[in-house]
C-alpha cells in the first residue's frame, strides 16, 4: 500500500543545498513520514503522481487538461527536508521538476496528489505503509 499525499505545489527562493533538488516542493505531516520512518535531511522519497489539478480559484484553458492528465502515473523522486514546525518538505528532484515544467505545472497554481511508496535514508530502503493506505492532505477543505 502507500501514503497518499495531496499538497499545493510551492516554491522557495531559499538556496537548496543539493544540486539534484529543485526549489519546488510539497508539504507532508511529520507524523506521516519523518516520525514513523525516522527520516533525516536528504532522505530520498519515491512515488508516482496520481493527479494534478488547478488550485482553488485558478482557472485554466481547457486545452491544459490533457497535458496535466499526462502526468498521472509518472514516477517521481523527492528529497526530504524536515521543517520542525507544522509540515515537512518534499522537494522535487530536478529530474522530476523537468517533467512538471514540460506541461506548465508551476508552483502556486496546482495541487498535486502523489502516492509515496518507498523511502531511502542512508543504507536503508523501506516500503511506506506496506499493509495500509494512509492519507495526508495539506490542502484546506474547499480547495481542490
Protein backbone atom coordinates (compact mmCIF):
# COMPACT_ATOMS: atom_id res chain seq x y z
CA UNK A 1 0.00 0.00 0.00
CA UNK A 2 1.28 3.55 0.49
CA UNK A 3 0.90 7.14 1.66
CA UNK A 4 -1.40 9.28 -0.49
CA UNK A 5 -0.35 12.93 -0.22
CA UNK A 6 -2.33 15.89 -1.57
CA UNK A 7 -0.49 19.21 -1.46
CA UNK A 8 -0.24 22.57 -3.14
CA UNK A 9 2.90 22.79 -5.28
CA UNK A 10 5.03 25.52 -3.69
CA UNK A 11 8.36 27.24 -4.41
CA UNK A 12 11.12 28.59 -2.19
CA UNK A 13 13.64 31.29 -3.04
CA UNK A 14 15.98 29.80 -0.46
CA UNK A 15 19.13 28.06 -1.59
CA UNK A 16 18.74 24.29 -1.64
CA UNK A 17 21.89 22.51 -0.52
CA UNK A 18 21.69 19.73 -3.10
CA UNK A 19 22.16 20.16 -6.83
CA UNK A 20 19.66 17.40 -7.56
CA UNK A 21 16.86 19.12 -5.59
CA UNK A 22 14.65 21.70 -7.26
CA UNK A 23 13.11 24.65 -5.41
CA UNK A 24 9.58 23.24 -5.85
CA UNK A 25 8.10 21.21 -3.05
CA UNK A 26 5.07 19.56 -1.48
CA UNK A 27 4.36 19.55 2.24
CA UNK A 28 3.79 16.44 4.36
CA UNK A 29 2.79 15.99 8.01
CA UNK A 30 5.75 14.96 10.20
CA UNK A 31 3.72 12.16 11.76
CA UNK A 32 3.21 10.51 8.36
CA UNK A 33 6.85 10.15 7.16
CA UNK A 34 9.53 11.60 9.42
CA UNK A 35 8.14 10.09 12.61
CA UNK A 36 7.33 6.53 11.52
CA UNK A 37 10.41 6.17 9.29
CA UNK A 38 12.92 8.30 11.25
CA UNK A 39 13.87 10.22 8.11
CA UNK A 40 16.79 12.61 8.13
CA UNK A 41 17.75 15.51 5.86
CA UNK A 42 18.28 14.46 2.23
CA UNK A 43 16.44 11.14 2.52
CA UNK A 44 15.06 10.03 -0.85
CA UNK A 45 11.34 9.50 -1.23
CA UNK A 46 9.92 7.69 -4.27
CA UNK A 47 6.41 7.77 -5.57
CA UNK A 48 4.18 8.48 -8.52
CA UNK A 49 1.82 11.26 -9.46
CA UNK A 50 -1.86 10.36 -9.17
CA UNK A 51 -3.33 13.64 -10.37
CA UNK A 52 -2.63 17.32 -10.95
CA UNK A 53 -5.43 19.86 -10.56
CA UNK A 54 -5.61 23.65 -10.69
CA UNK A 55 -5.66 25.18 -7.20
CA UNK A 56 -8.88 26.66 -5.88
CA UNK A 57 -9.55 29.95 -7.63
CA UNK A 58 -7.26 29.20 -10.59
CA UNK A 59 -8.99 28.79 -13.93
CA UNK A 60 -7.08 27.39 -16.86
CA UNK A 61 -7.87 26.99 -20.51
CA UNK A 62 -9.39 23.53 -21.12
CA UNK A 63 -6.54 22.73 -23.51
CA UNK A 64 -4.28 22.31 -20.46
CA UNK A 65 -6.28 19.41 -19.02
CA UNK A 66 -4.90 16.67 -21.32
CA UNK A 67 -1.32 17.82 -20.64
CA UNK A 68 -1.77 17.70 -16.87
CA UNK A 69 -3.52 14.33 -17.00
CA UNK A 70 -0.48 13.01 -18.90
CA UNK A 71 1.42 13.24 -15.60
CA UNK A 72 -0.82 10.63 -13.97
CA UNK A 73 1.28 7.55 -13.18
CA UNK A 74 4.62 9.32 -13.74
CA UNK A 75 7.32 8.18 -11.29
CA UNK A 76 8.91 10.98 -9.25
CA UNK A 77 11.61 11.33 -6.63
CA UNK A 78 11.71 13.80 -3.76
CA UNK A 79 14.43 14.97 -1.39
CA UNK A 80 13.19 15.16 2.20
CA UNK A 81 13.81 18.16 4.47
CA UNK A 82 12.39 18.24 7.99
CA UNK A 83 10.86 21.59 8.89
CA UNK A 84 10.45 21.13 12.66
CA UNK A 85 7.28 23.17 12.62
CA UNK A 86 3.91 22.28 11.12
CA UNK A 87 4.88 20.45 7.90
CA UNK A 88 7.99 18.83 6.43
CA UNK A 89 9.16 19.42 2.86
CA UNK A 90 9.42 17.04 -0.08
CA UNK A 91 11.47 18.84 -2.73
CA UNK A 92 11.02 17.51 -6.24
CA UNK A 93 14.25 16.19 -7.73
CA UNK A 94 15.46 18.29 -10.66
CA UNK A 95 14.61 15.38 -12.97
CA UNK A 96 11.02 15.26 -11.67
CA UNK A 97 10.75 19.05 -11.86
CA UNK A 98 11.58 18.93 -15.58
CA UNK A 99 8.56 16.65 -16.10
CA UNK A 100 6.31 19.24 -14.43
CA UNK A 101 7.85 22.10 -16.39
CA UNK A 102 7.20 20.41 -19.74
CA UNK A 103 3.44 20.66 -19.24
CA UNK A 104 3.36 24.01 -17.45
CA UNK A 105 2.72 22.81 -13.90
CA UNK A 106 4.05 25.72 -11.86
CA UNK A 107 4.12 26.43 -8.12
CA UNK A 108 1.22 28.28 -6.58
CA UNK A 109 -1.25 27.24 -9.25
CA UNK A 110 -1.60 23.47 -8.84
CA UNK A 111 -2.50 20.87 -6.25
CA UNK A 112 -0.68 17.59 -6.77
CA UNK A 113 -1.70 14.21 -5.40
CA UNK A 114 1.11 11.66 -5.17
CA UNK A 115 1.38 8.11 -3.95
CA UNK A 116 4.51 7.70 -1.80
CA UNK A 117 5.77 4.13 -1.95
CA UNK A 118 9.40 3.98 -0.75
CA UNK A 119 11.82 5.90 1.45
CA UNK A 120 15.60 5.62 1.23
CA UNK A 121 17.70 7.08 4.01
CA UNK A 122 21.37 6.22 4.19
CA UNK A 123 21.71 2.46 3.89
CA UNK A 124 18.09 1.55 4.43
CA UNK A 125 15.23 1.41 1.99
CA UNK A 126 11.69 0.76 3.21
CA UNK A 127 8.25 0.42 1.71
CA UNK A 128 5.90 3.07 3.06
CA UNK A 129 2.90 1.61 4.90
CA UNK A 130 3.16 -1.75 3.08
CA UNK A 131 -0.12 -3.09 4.55
CA UNK A 132 -2.24 0.08 4.65
CA UNK A 133 -3.21 3.12 2.63
CA UNK A 134 -2.69 6.31 4.66
CA UNK A 135 -3.87 9.76 3.59
CA UNK A 136 -2.38 13.20 4.25
CA UNK A 137 -3.59 16.49 2.83
CA UNK A 138 -2.26 19.98 3.48
CA UNK A 139 -4.99 21.41 1.26
CA UNK A 140 -7.79 23.04 3.27
CA UNK A 141 -11.36 21.86 2.94
CA UNK A 142 -12.98 23.56 -0.01
CA UNK A 143 -9.74 23.69 -2.01
CA UNK A 144 -9.11 21.20 -4.81
